[in-house]
N, C-alpha and C. Protein backbone atom coordinates (compact mmCIF):
# COMPACT_ATOMS: atom_id res chain seq x y z
N MET A 1 137.99 194.90 164.12
CA MET A 1 138.27 195.31 165.50
C MET A 1 139.78 195.37 165.71
N ASN A 2 140.28 196.49 166.22
CA ASN A 2 141.70 196.63 166.50
C ASN A 2 141.93 196.26 167.97
N TYR A 3 142.28 195.00 168.20
CA TYR A 3 142.43 194.50 169.56
C TYR A 3 143.65 195.08 170.26
N ASN A 4 144.66 195.45 169.50
CA ASN A 4 145.83 196.08 170.11
C ASN A 4 145.46 197.44 170.70
N LYS A 5 144.62 198.19 169.99
CA LYS A 5 144.19 199.49 170.50
C LYS A 5 143.30 199.32 171.73
N LEU A 6 142.49 198.27 171.73
CA LEU A 6 141.67 197.99 172.90
C LEU A 6 142.55 197.73 174.12
N MET A 7 143.61 196.95 173.94
CA MET A 7 144.54 196.69 175.03
C MET A 7 145.21 197.97 175.50
N GLU A 8 145.62 198.80 174.54
CA GLU A 8 146.28 200.06 174.90
C GLU A 8 145.35 200.98 175.69
N SER A 9 144.07 200.96 175.36
CA SER A 9 143.12 201.79 176.11
C SER A 9 142.95 201.28 177.54
N ILE A 10 142.98 199.96 177.72
CA ILE A 10 142.91 199.37 179.06
C ILE A 10 144.14 199.77 179.86
N ILE A 11 145.29 199.71 179.22
CA ILE A 11 146.54 200.07 179.88
C ILE A 11 146.55 201.55 180.27
N GLU A 12 146.01 202.40 179.42
CA GLU A 12 145.93 203.83 179.74
C GLU A 12 145.08 204.06 180.99
N GLU A 13 143.99 203.31 181.12
CA GLU A 13 143.15 203.41 182.31
C GLU A 13 143.92 202.98 183.56
N ILE A 14 144.71 201.91 183.41
CA ILE A 14 145.51 201.41 184.53
C ILE A 14 146.55 202.44 184.95
N LYS A 15 147.18 203.07 183.98
CA LYS A 15 148.18 204.10 184.27
C LYS A 15 147.55 205.29 184.99
N THR A 16 146.35 205.65 184.56
CA THR A 16 145.64 206.77 185.19
C THR A 16 145.28 206.45 186.63
N GLU A 17 144.87 205.21 186.85
CA GLU A 17 144.49 204.78 188.21
C GLU A 17 145.71 204.61 189.11
N GLY A 18 146.88 204.37 188.52
CA GLY A 18 148.10 204.18 189.30
C GLY A 18 148.15 202.86 190.04
N THR A 19 147.46 201.86 189.49
CA THR A 19 147.43 200.54 190.12
C THR A 19 148.29 199.54 189.34
N THR A 20 148.52 198.37 189.93
CA THR A 20 149.23 197.28 189.25
C THR A 20 148.37 196.03 189.34
N PRO A 21 147.44 195.87 188.41
CA PRO A 21 146.55 194.71 188.46
C PRO A 21 147.28 193.41 188.17
N SER A 22 146.66 192.31 188.54
CA SER A 22 147.23 190.98 188.29
C SER A 22 146.62 190.38 187.04
N VAL A 23 147.42 189.63 186.29
CA VAL A 23 146.93 188.96 185.10
C VAL A 23 147.43 187.52 185.08
N LEU A 24 146.53 186.59 184.83
CA LEU A 24 146.90 185.19 184.61
C LEU A 24 147.09 185.04 183.11
N LEU A 25 148.33 184.86 182.71
CA LEU A 25 148.69 184.86 181.29
C LEU A 25 148.94 183.44 180.79
N HIS A 26 148.02 182.95 179.96
CA HIS A 26 148.25 181.66 179.32
C HIS A 26 149.42 181.81 178.35
N SER A 27 150.40 180.92 178.46
CA SER A 27 151.56 180.96 177.57
C SER A 27 151.68 179.67 176.80
N CYS A 28 151.89 179.79 175.49
CA CYS A 28 152.06 178.61 174.65
C CYS A 28 153.51 178.14 174.62
N CYS A 29 154.45 179.07 174.80
CA CYS A 29 155.87 178.73 174.80
C CYS A 29 156.68 179.94 175.24
N ALA A 30 157.93 179.71 175.60
CA ALA A 30 158.80 180.80 176.05
C ALA A 30 159.04 181.86 174.98
N PRO A 31 159.35 181.47 173.72
CA PRO A 31 159.58 182.50 172.70
C PRO A 31 158.40 183.45 172.52
N CYS A 32 157.20 182.91 172.45
CA CYS A 32 156.02 183.78 172.28
C CYS A 32 155.78 184.63 173.52
N SER A 33 156.01 184.05 174.69
CA SER A 33 155.77 184.80 175.92
C SER A 33 156.77 185.92 176.13
N SER A 34 157.94 185.82 175.50
CA SER A 34 159.00 186.81 175.75
C SER A 34 158.55 188.23 175.45
N HIS A 35 158.00 188.45 174.27
CA HIS A 35 157.53 189.79 173.90
C HIS A 35 156.34 190.21 174.76
N VAL A 36 155.43 189.28 175.00
CA VAL A 36 154.22 189.59 175.75
C VAL A 36 154.56 190.01 177.18
N ILE A 37 155.45 189.27 177.81
CA ILE A 37 155.89 189.61 179.16
C ILE A 37 156.59 190.96 179.16
N ASP A 38 157.41 191.20 178.14
CA ASP A 38 158.13 192.46 178.04
C ASP A 38 157.17 193.66 177.97
N VAL A 39 156.03 193.47 177.32
CA VAL A 39 155.02 194.53 177.22
C VAL A 39 154.24 194.67 178.53
N LEU A 40 153.77 193.56 179.06
CA LEU A 40 152.83 193.60 180.18
C LEU A 40 153.47 193.85 181.54
N THR A 41 154.74 193.50 181.69
CA THR A 41 155.37 193.65 183.00
C THR A 41 155.47 195.11 183.44
N GLN A 42 155.35 196.02 182.50
CA GLN A 42 155.37 197.44 182.84
C GLN A 42 154.13 197.86 183.63
N TYR A 43 153.04 197.09 183.51
CA TYR A 43 151.76 197.52 184.07
C TYR A 43 151.06 196.47 184.93
N PHE A 44 151.50 195.20 184.85
CA PHE A 44 150.81 194.11 185.54
C PHE A 44 151.76 193.27 186.38
N ASP A 45 151.20 192.66 187.42
CA ASP A 45 151.82 191.51 188.06
C ASP A 45 151.40 190.30 187.24
N ILE A 46 152.38 189.56 186.74
CA ILE A 46 152.08 188.47 185.80
C ILE A 46 152.29 187.10 186.44
N THR A 47 151.29 186.24 186.28
CA THR A 47 151.45 184.82 186.60
C THR A 47 151.24 184.04 185.32
N ILE A 48 152.25 183.29 184.93
CA ILE A 48 152.17 182.48 183.72
C ILE A 48 151.41 181.18 184.00
N LEU A 49 150.49 180.85 183.11
CA LEU A 49 149.84 179.54 183.16
C LEU A 49 150.28 178.78 181.92
N TYR A 50 151.18 177.83 182.13
CA TYR A 50 151.66 177.02 181.00
C TYR A 50 150.73 175.81 180.86
N TYR A 51 149.58 176.07 180.26
CA TYR A 51 148.59 175.00 180.08
C TYR A 51 148.46 174.71 178.59
N ASN A 52 149.09 173.62 178.17
CA ASN A 52 149.13 173.25 176.75
C ASN A 52 148.98 171.75 176.58
N PRO A 53 147.77 171.22 176.80
CA PRO A 53 147.54 169.77 176.71
C PRO A 53 147.68 169.22 175.30
N ASN A 54 147.77 170.12 174.32
CA ASN A 54 147.90 169.72 172.92
C ASN A 54 149.31 169.27 172.56
N ILE A 55 150.30 169.69 173.33
CA ILE A 55 151.70 169.46 172.94
C ILE A 55 152.11 168.00 173.11
N GLU A 56 152.65 167.44 172.05
CA GLU A 56 153.16 166.07 172.03
C GLU A 56 154.43 166.01 171.20
N PRO A 57 155.29 165.02 171.47
CA PRO A 57 155.21 164.05 172.55
C PRO A 57 155.46 164.70 173.91
N TYR A 58 155.33 163.94 174.98
CA TYR A 58 155.45 164.48 176.33
C TYR A 58 156.82 165.10 176.57
N GLU A 59 157.84 164.51 175.95
CA GLU A 59 159.19 165.06 176.10
C GLU A 59 159.27 166.48 175.54
N GLU A 60 158.55 166.71 174.45
CA GLU A 60 158.50 168.04 173.84
C GLU A 60 157.77 169.02 174.76
N TYR A 61 156.69 168.55 175.37
CA TYR A 61 155.93 169.36 176.32
C TYR A 61 156.83 169.81 177.47
N LEU A 62 157.58 168.87 178.03
CA LEU A 62 158.46 169.19 179.15
C LEU A 62 159.59 170.14 178.73
N LYS A 63 160.12 169.94 177.55
CA LYS A 63 161.21 170.79 177.06
C LYS A 63 160.74 172.24 176.93
N ARG A 64 159.55 172.43 176.37
CA ARG A 64 159.02 173.78 176.21
C ARG A 64 158.68 174.39 177.57
N LYS A 65 158.17 173.58 178.48
CA LYS A 65 157.83 174.07 179.81
C LYS A 65 159.09 174.50 180.56
N GLU A 66 160.14 173.71 180.47
CA GLU A 66 161.40 174.05 181.13
C GLU A 66 162.00 175.33 180.59
N GLU A 67 161.86 175.56 179.29
CA GLU A 67 162.34 176.81 178.69
C GLU A 67 161.54 178.01 179.20
N GLU A 68 160.23 177.80 179.40
CA GLU A 68 159.39 178.86 179.95
C GLU A 68 159.86 179.23 181.36
N ILE A 69 160.10 178.23 182.16
CA ILE A 69 160.55 178.45 183.54
C ILE A 69 161.91 179.15 183.55
N ARG A 70 162.80 178.72 182.68
CA ARG A 70 164.12 179.35 182.60
C ARG A 70 164.02 180.81 182.22
N PHE A 71 163.19 181.11 181.23
CA PHE A 71 163.05 182.50 180.80
C PHE A 71 162.50 183.37 181.92
N ILE A 72 161.50 182.87 182.64
CA ILE A 72 160.91 183.62 183.75
C ILE A 72 161.97 183.95 184.80
N LYS A 73 162.85 182.99 185.07
CA LYS A 73 163.90 183.20 186.07
C LYS A 73 164.93 184.23 185.60
N GLU A 74 165.22 184.23 184.30
CA GLU A 74 166.29 185.09 183.78
C GLU A 74 165.83 186.49 183.38
N TYR A 75 164.55 186.63 183.08
CA TYR A 75 164.06 187.92 182.58
C TYR A 75 163.92 188.94 183.71
N PRO A 76 164.47 190.14 183.55
CA PRO A 76 164.40 191.18 184.59
C PRO A 76 163.07 191.92 184.58
N SER A 77 162.02 191.29 185.07
CA SER A 77 160.69 191.88 185.03
C SER A 77 160.57 193.07 185.98
N LYS A 78 159.79 194.05 185.58
CA LYS A 78 159.57 195.24 186.41
C LYS A 78 158.69 194.90 187.61
N ASN A 79 157.62 194.16 187.36
CA ASN A 79 156.70 193.76 188.41
C ASN A 79 156.76 192.24 188.63
N LYS A 80 155.92 191.73 189.48
CA LYS A 80 155.92 190.31 189.83
C LYS A 80 155.77 189.44 188.59
N LEU A 81 156.59 188.40 188.52
CA LEU A 81 156.53 187.43 187.42
C LEU A 81 156.76 186.04 187.98
N THR A 82 155.73 185.20 187.90
CA THR A 82 155.82 183.85 188.45
C THR A 82 155.05 182.90 187.54
N ILE A 83 154.98 181.63 187.94
CA ILE A 83 154.29 180.63 187.13
C ILE A 83 153.38 179.79 188.02
N MET A 84 152.21 179.44 187.48
CA MET A 84 151.27 178.55 188.17
C MET A 84 151.35 177.18 187.52
N ASP A 85 151.62 176.17 188.30
CA ASP A 85 151.77 174.82 187.75
C ASP A 85 150.41 174.20 187.47
N CYS A 86 150.37 173.32 186.50
CA CYS A 86 149.14 172.59 186.19
C CYS A 86 149.51 171.30 185.47
N ASP A 87 148.54 170.41 185.32
CA ASP A 87 148.78 169.12 184.69
C ASP A 87 148.76 169.24 183.17
N HIS A 88 149.30 168.23 182.51
CA HIS A 88 149.36 168.19 181.04
C HIS A 88 147.98 167.99 180.42
N GLU A 89 147.24 167.01 180.91
CA GLU A 89 145.86 166.72 180.46
C GLU A 89 145.77 166.45 178.96
N ASN A 90 146.70 165.68 178.44
CA ASN A 90 146.72 165.36 177.01
C ASN A 90 145.50 164.55 176.58
N ASP A 91 145.02 163.66 177.46
CA ASP A 91 143.83 162.86 177.14
C ASP A 91 142.61 163.76 176.92
N LEU A 92 142.50 164.82 177.74
CA LEU A 92 141.39 165.75 177.60
C LEU A 92 141.45 166.47 176.25
N TYR A 93 142.66 166.80 175.82
CA TYR A 93 142.82 167.44 174.52
C TYR A 93 142.28 166.54 173.41
N HIS A 94 142.67 165.26 173.44
CA HIS A 94 142.25 164.34 172.39
C HIS A 94 140.73 164.10 172.41
N GLU A 95 140.14 164.12 173.61
CA GLU A 95 138.68 164.01 173.70
C GLU A 95 138.02 165.24 173.08
N THR A 96 138.64 166.40 173.31
CA THR A 96 138.09 167.68 172.84
C THR A 96 138.09 167.78 171.32
N VAL A 97 139.14 167.27 170.68
CA VAL A 97 139.27 167.42 169.22
C VAL A 97 138.87 166.15 168.46
N LYS A 98 138.26 165.20 169.16
CA LYS A 98 137.87 163.95 168.52
C LYS A 98 136.95 164.23 167.33
N GLY A 99 137.28 163.61 166.19
CA GLY A 99 136.51 163.81 164.97
C GLY A 99 137.05 164.92 164.09
N LEU A 100 138.01 165.69 164.63
CA LEU A 100 138.59 166.81 163.89
C LEU A 100 140.07 166.58 163.58
N GLU A 101 140.50 165.34 163.75
CA GLU A 101 141.93 165.04 163.57
C GLU A 101 142.44 165.40 162.18
N GLY A 102 141.59 165.28 161.18
CA GLY A 102 142.02 165.53 159.80
C GLY A 102 141.88 166.97 159.36
N GLU A 103 141.44 167.83 160.24
CA GLU A 103 141.28 169.25 159.90
C GLU A 103 142.64 169.90 159.63
N PRO A 104 142.70 170.83 158.69
CA PRO A 104 143.97 171.52 158.42
C PRO A 104 144.34 172.45 159.56
N GLU A 105 145.61 172.76 159.67
CA GLU A 105 146.09 173.67 160.70
C GLU A 105 145.38 175.02 160.56
N GLY A 106 144.88 175.52 161.69
CA GLY A 106 144.16 176.79 161.67
C GLY A 106 142.66 176.63 161.54
N GLY A 107 142.17 175.39 161.41
CA GLY A 107 140.75 175.14 161.21
C GLY A 107 140.00 174.89 162.51
N ALA A 108 138.94 174.07 162.41
CA ALA A 108 138.04 173.83 163.55
C ALA A 108 138.75 173.17 164.72
N ARG A 109 139.73 172.30 164.44
CA ARG A 109 140.46 171.64 165.52
C ARG A 109 141.20 172.67 166.38
N CYS A 110 141.82 173.63 165.72
CA CYS A 110 142.56 174.67 166.43
C CYS A 110 141.63 175.54 167.27
N SER A 111 140.44 175.83 166.75
CA SER A 111 139.48 176.62 167.51
C SER A 111 139.08 175.92 168.80
N LYS A 112 138.88 174.61 168.71
CA LYS A 112 138.56 173.82 169.90
C LYS A 112 139.71 173.87 170.91
N CYS A 113 140.93 173.81 170.39
CA CYS A 113 142.12 173.84 171.23
C CYS A 113 142.26 175.21 171.91
N TYR A 114 142.03 176.28 171.15
CA TYR A 114 142.04 177.63 171.74
C TYR A 114 141.08 177.69 172.92
N TYR A 115 139.86 177.20 172.68
CA TYR A 115 138.81 177.30 173.70
C TYR A 115 139.20 176.51 174.95
N LEU A 116 139.73 175.31 174.75
CA LEU A 116 140.12 174.46 175.87
C LEU A 116 141.13 175.18 176.76
N ARG A 117 142.14 175.75 176.15
CA ARG A 117 143.21 176.40 176.92
C ARG A 117 142.76 177.70 177.57
N LEU A 118 141.98 178.49 176.85
CA LEU A 118 141.51 179.75 177.42
C LEU A 118 140.44 179.53 178.49
N ASP A 119 139.63 178.48 178.34
CA ASP A 119 138.63 178.16 179.35
C ASP A 119 139.30 177.84 180.68
N LYS A 120 140.36 177.05 180.63
CA LYS A 120 141.11 176.71 181.84
C LYS A 120 141.70 177.98 182.46
N THR A 121 142.24 178.85 181.62
CA THR A 121 142.86 180.08 182.11
C THR A 121 141.83 180.99 182.78
N ALA A 122 140.70 181.18 182.12
CA ALA A 122 139.65 182.04 182.68
C ALA A 122 139.11 181.49 184.00
N ARG A 123 138.90 180.18 184.05
CA ARG A 123 138.37 179.56 185.28
C ARG A 123 139.33 179.73 186.44
N LEU A 124 140.63 179.47 186.19
CA LEU A 124 141.61 179.60 187.25
C LEU A 124 141.81 181.06 187.65
N ALA A 125 141.70 181.96 186.69
CA ALA A 125 141.81 183.39 187.00
C ALA A 125 140.68 183.81 187.94
N SER A 126 139.49 183.32 187.65
CA SER A 126 138.33 183.64 188.48
C SER A 126 138.45 183.03 189.87
N GLU A 127 138.84 181.76 189.91
CA GLU A 127 138.93 181.05 191.19
C GLU A 127 140.02 181.61 192.09
N ASN A 128 141.07 182.18 191.49
CA ASN A 128 142.21 182.65 192.27
C ASN A 128 142.28 184.17 192.41
N GLY A 129 141.22 184.85 192.01
CA GLY A 129 141.12 186.28 192.26
C GLY A 129 142.00 187.17 191.41
N PHE A 130 142.32 186.74 190.20
CA PHE A 130 143.10 187.59 189.30
C PHE A 130 142.20 188.68 188.73
N ASP A 131 142.79 189.82 188.43
CA ASP A 131 142.03 190.92 187.84
C ASP A 131 141.73 190.67 186.36
N TYR A 132 142.68 190.05 185.66
CA TYR A 132 142.55 189.79 184.22
C TYR A 132 143.05 188.39 183.88
N PHE A 133 142.66 187.91 182.70
CA PHE A 133 143.32 186.76 182.09
C PHE A 133 143.62 187.14 180.65
N ALA A 134 144.64 186.47 180.07
CA ALA A 134 145.09 186.81 178.72
C ALA A 134 145.83 185.61 178.14
N THR A 135 146.23 185.74 176.88
CA THR A 135 147.00 184.67 176.23
C THR A 135 148.09 185.24 175.34
N THR A 136 149.18 184.51 175.24
CA THR A 136 150.29 184.89 174.36
C THR A 136 150.04 184.48 172.91
N LEU A 137 149.00 183.70 172.66
CA LEU A 137 148.78 183.13 171.33
C LEU A 137 148.64 184.18 170.24
N THR A 138 148.18 185.38 170.58
CA THR A 138 147.95 186.39 169.55
C THR A 138 149.25 187.00 169.02
N VAL A 139 150.40 186.63 169.57
CA VAL A 139 151.67 187.15 169.04
C VAL A 139 152.05 186.43 167.75
N SER A 140 151.50 185.26 167.52
CA SER A 140 151.86 184.47 166.35
C SER A 140 151.07 184.91 165.12
N PRO A 141 151.75 185.12 163.99
CA PRO A 141 151.05 185.46 162.75
C PRO A 141 150.23 184.28 162.21
N LEU A 142 150.43 183.10 162.77
CA LEU A 142 149.70 181.91 162.32
C LEU A 142 148.42 181.65 163.12
N LYS A 143 148.20 182.47 164.17
CA LYS A 143 147.03 182.28 165.02
C LYS A 143 145.98 183.35 164.71
N ASN A 144 144.72 182.96 164.80
CA ASN A 144 143.60 183.83 164.48
C ASN A 144 143.25 184.70 165.68
N SER A 145 143.71 185.95 165.66
CA SER A 145 143.50 186.85 166.80
C SER A 145 142.03 187.18 167.01
N GLU A 146 141.28 187.27 165.92
CA GLU A 146 139.85 187.57 166.05
C GLU A 146 139.14 186.44 166.78
N LYS A 147 139.46 185.21 166.42
CA LYS A 147 138.86 184.05 167.07
C LYS A 147 139.27 184.00 168.55
N LEU A 148 140.54 184.22 168.83
CA LEU A 148 141.05 184.16 170.20
C LEU A 148 140.38 185.22 171.09
N ASN A 149 140.28 186.44 170.58
CA ASN A 149 139.67 187.51 171.37
C ASN A 149 138.17 187.30 171.55
N SER A 150 137.53 186.71 170.56
CA SER A 150 136.11 186.39 170.68
C SER A 150 135.88 185.36 171.78
N ILE A 151 136.74 184.35 171.82
CA ILE A 151 136.65 183.32 172.87
C ILE A 151 136.92 183.94 174.23
N GLY A 152 137.95 184.78 174.30
CA GLY A 152 138.29 185.43 175.56
C GLY A 152 137.15 186.28 176.10
N GLU A 153 136.51 187.04 175.21
CA GLU A 153 135.38 187.88 175.61
C GLU A 153 134.22 187.02 176.11
N HIS A 154 133.95 185.93 175.42
CA HIS A 154 132.88 185.01 175.81
C HIS A 154 133.13 184.41 177.19
N LEU A 155 134.35 183.95 177.42
CA LEU A 155 134.69 183.33 178.70
C LEU A 155 134.73 184.34 179.85
N SER A 156 135.04 185.57 179.51
CA SER A 156 135.04 186.64 180.51
C SER A 156 133.66 186.78 181.16
N LYS A 157 132.64 186.64 180.35
CA LYS A 157 131.26 186.76 180.84
C LYS A 157 130.86 185.52 181.65
N ILE A 158 131.33 184.37 181.22
CA ILE A 158 130.98 183.13 181.92
C ILE A 158 131.59 183.09 183.32
N TYR A 159 132.87 183.47 183.42
CA TYR A 159 133.60 183.35 184.69
C TYR A 159 133.69 184.66 185.46
N ASN A 160 133.12 185.72 184.92
CA ASN A 160 133.09 187.01 185.60
C ASN A 160 134.49 187.49 185.99
N VAL A 161 135.39 187.45 185.01
CA VAL A 161 136.75 187.96 185.20
C VAL A 161 137.13 188.69 183.92
N LYS A 162 137.83 189.80 184.04
CA LYS A 162 138.14 190.63 182.88
C LYS A 162 139.14 189.96 181.95
N TYR A 163 138.87 190.08 180.67
CA TYR A 163 139.78 189.56 179.64
C TYR A 163 140.59 190.71 179.06
N LEU A 164 141.89 190.51 178.94
CA LEU A 164 142.76 191.52 178.36
C LEU A 164 142.85 191.28 176.85
N TYR A 165 142.13 192.09 176.09
CA TYR A 165 142.18 191.99 174.63
C TYR A 165 143.61 192.19 174.16
N SER A 166 143.96 191.56 173.04
CA SER A 166 145.33 191.72 172.56
C SER A 166 145.46 191.31 171.10
N ASP A 167 146.47 191.85 170.48
CA ASP A 167 146.96 191.36 169.19
C ASP A 167 148.45 191.66 169.22
N PHE A 168 149.17 190.83 169.98
CA PHE A 168 150.56 191.11 170.31
C PHE A 168 151.50 191.10 169.11
N LYS A 169 151.02 190.58 167.97
CA LYS A 169 151.87 190.61 166.78
C LYS A 169 151.98 192.02 166.20
N LYS A 170 151.07 192.90 166.57
CA LYS A 170 151.08 194.27 166.08
C LYS A 170 152.34 195.00 166.55
N LYS A 171 152.70 196.05 165.83
CA LYS A 171 153.89 196.86 166.14
C LYS A 171 155.14 195.99 166.23
N GLU A 172 155.23 195.03 165.29
CA GLU A 172 156.39 194.13 165.15
C GLU A 172 156.63 193.28 166.41
N GLY A 173 155.52 192.91 167.06
CA GLY A 173 155.63 192.09 168.26
C GLY A 173 156.25 190.72 168.00
N TYR A 174 155.87 190.10 166.88
CA TYR A 174 156.43 188.79 166.56
C TYR A 174 157.93 188.90 166.29
N LYS A 175 158.31 189.94 165.56
CA LYS A 175 159.73 190.18 165.29
C LYS A 175 160.50 190.37 166.59
N HIS A 176 159.91 191.10 167.52
CA HIS A 176 160.57 191.33 168.81
C HIS A 176 160.71 190.03 169.59
N SER A 177 159.72 189.14 169.48
CA SER A 177 159.81 187.85 170.17
C SER A 177 160.97 187.02 169.63
N ILE A 178 161.23 187.13 168.33
CA ILE A 178 162.36 186.41 167.74
C ILE A 178 163.68 186.99 168.25
N GLU A 179 163.73 188.31 168.35
CA GLU A 179 164.94 188.97 168.86
C GLU A 179 165.21 188.59 170.31
N LEU A 180 164.17 188.55 171.13
CA LEU A 180 164.34 188.16 172.53
C LEU A 180 164.71 186.68 172.65
N SER A 181 164.16 185.86 171.76
CA SER A 181 164.50 184.43 171.76
C SER A 181 165.99 184.23 171.50
N LYS A 182 166.53 185.02 170.59
CA LYS A 182 167.96 184.94 170.30
C LYS A 182 168.78 185.45 171.47
N GLU A 183 168.32 186.54 172.08
CA GLU A 183 169.03 187.12 173.22
C GLU A 183 169.12 186.16 174.39
N TYR A 184 168.04 185.43 174.64
CA TYR A 184 168.01 184.49 175.77
C TYR A 184 168.27 183.05 175.34
N ASN A 185 168.63 182.87 174.07
CA ASN A 185 168.94 181.54 173.54
C ASN A 185 167.82 180.54 173.83
N LEU A 186 166.59 180.96 173.50
CA LEU A 186 165.43 180.12 173.76
C LEU A 186 165.22 179.08 172.66
N TYR A 187 164.78 177.92 173.06
CA TYR A 187 164.44 176.86 172.12
C TYR A 187 163.19 177.26 171.35
N ARG A 188 163.30 177.29 170.01
CA ARG A 188 162.16 177.63 169.16
C ARG A 188 161.77 176.40 168.34
N GLN A 189 160.58 175.88 168.58
CA GLN A 189 160.08 174.69 167.91
C GLN A 189 159.70 174.99 166.47
N ASP A 190 159.60 173.95 165.64
CA ASP A 190 159.24 174.16 164.23
C ASP A 190 157.83 173.66 163.91
N TYR A 191 157.03 173.37 164.95
CA TYR A 191 155.62 173.04 164.74
C TYR A 191 154.82 173.54 165.95
N CYS A 192 153.54 173.76 165.74
CA CYS A 192 152.69 174.39 166.76
C CYS A 192 152.75 173.64 168.09
N GLY A 193 152.52 172.34 168.05
CA GLY A 193 152.56 171.59 169.30
C GLY A 193 151.85 170.26 169.24
N CYS A 194 150.68 170.20 168.60
CA CYS A 194 149.94 168.95 168.57
C CYS A 194 150.55 167.97 167.56
N ILE A 195 150.21 166.72 167.73
CA ILE A 195 150.75 165.67 166.88
C ILE A 195 150.34 165.87 165.42
N TYR A 196 149.17 166.49 165.22
CA TYR A 196 148.66 166.70 163.86
C TYR A 196 149.44 167.80 163.15
N SER A 197 149.80 168.85 163.88
CA SER A 197 150.62 169.91 163.29
C SER A 197 152.04 169.39 163.02
N LYS A 198 152.50 168.48 163.87
CA LYS A 198 153.82 167.88 163.67
C LYS A 198 153.83 167.05 162.39
N GLN A 199 152.78 166.26 162.20
CA GLN A 199 152.68 165.43 160.99
C GLN A 199 152.57 166.30 159.75
N GLU A 200 151.81 167.38 159.85
CA GLU A 200 151.65 168.30 158.72
C GLU A 200 152.98 168.95 158.37
N ARG A 201 153.73 169.31 159.40
CA ARG A 201 155.04 169.92 159.20
C ARG A 201 156.01 168.93 158.53
N GLU A 202 155.98 167.68 158.97
CA GLU A 202 156.86 166.66 158.40
C GLU A 202 156.55 166.41 156.93
N ILE A 203 155.26 166.43 156.57
CA ILE A 203 154.84 166.26 155.18
C ILE A 203 155.35 167.42 154.33
N THR A 204 155.25 168.63 154.86
CA THR A 204 155.72 169.83 154.15
C THR A 204 157.21 169.76 153.90
N ILE A 205 157.97 169.37 154.92
CA ILE A 205 159.43 169.26 154.80
C ILE A 205 159.80 168.20 153.76
N LYS A 206 159.08 167.08 153.78
CA LYS A 206 159.34 165.99 152.83
C LYS A 206 159.10 166.46 151.39
N LYS A 207 158.00 167.20 151.17
CA LYS A 207 157.68 167.71 149.85
C LYS A 207 158.74 168.71 149.38
N GLN A 208 159.21 169.54 150.29
CA GLN A 208 160.25 170.53 149.95
C GLN A 208 161.53 169.83 149.51
N ARG A 209 161.88 168.78 150.21
CA ARG A 209 163.09 168.02 149.87
C ARG A 209 162.93 167.33 148.52
N GLU A 210 161.75 166.79 148.26
CA GLU A 210 161.48 166.11 147.00
C GLU A 210 161.53 167.10 145.84
N ASN A 211 161.00 168.30 146.06
CA ASN A 211 161.02 169.33 145.02
C ASN A 211 162.44 169.78 144.71
N LYS A 212 163.26 169.87 145.75
CA LYS A 212 164.66 170.25 145.55
C LYS A 212 165.39 169.18 144.75
N GLY A 213 165.00 167.92 145.01
CA GLY A 213 165.67 166.82 144.34
C GLY A 213 165.33 166.72 142.86
N THR A 214 164.18 167.29 142.49
CA THR A 214 163.76 167.21 141.09
C THR A 214 164.16 168.45 140.30
N ASN A 215 164.67 169.45 140.98
CA ASN A 215 165.09 170.70 140.30
C ASN A 215 166.56 170.68 139.90
């Protein structure tokens, strides 16, 4: 399934109708949201939902959230661009992934995390009368776009709100996000967000250093 083409077909319909629909956009971080906002602001009124209960420690969560807010303020959006506040809910994340702590990055634990964040986005989109909901997660080459779009489609039916299919990494979207991050001097983290990805990253770095020391 070409999810980028699906999104483009939705956008073509919007252009034909001459409307500016609203989208509740789940954002994982400012760098990833940069390219996504740049694409969507041409056609949508965007409200960012920075809902990431997986991010630890709390200081890291706040740092990424503050960067998101700063980018929104500085970016010259064509249409409405704002943010909806929400709680961290880190305890809920740990309840959700209980028993999957040892799963590798990209496995079953991540799928549960995707669902948790998109479920919140879809529910709030429905409750607040948004036309669409979407996520920035598909801009990352490390995230499973097929899984994300499947979850989005499923939740769309549950909450009766349209899901904006996407694969934002297509057409060099990830590369563009890096370019925008440099332009706006955005903080770019070196791990996904959860404590388990942080530990995995630290182990990788340690092994790289040890290998360098033996060469």
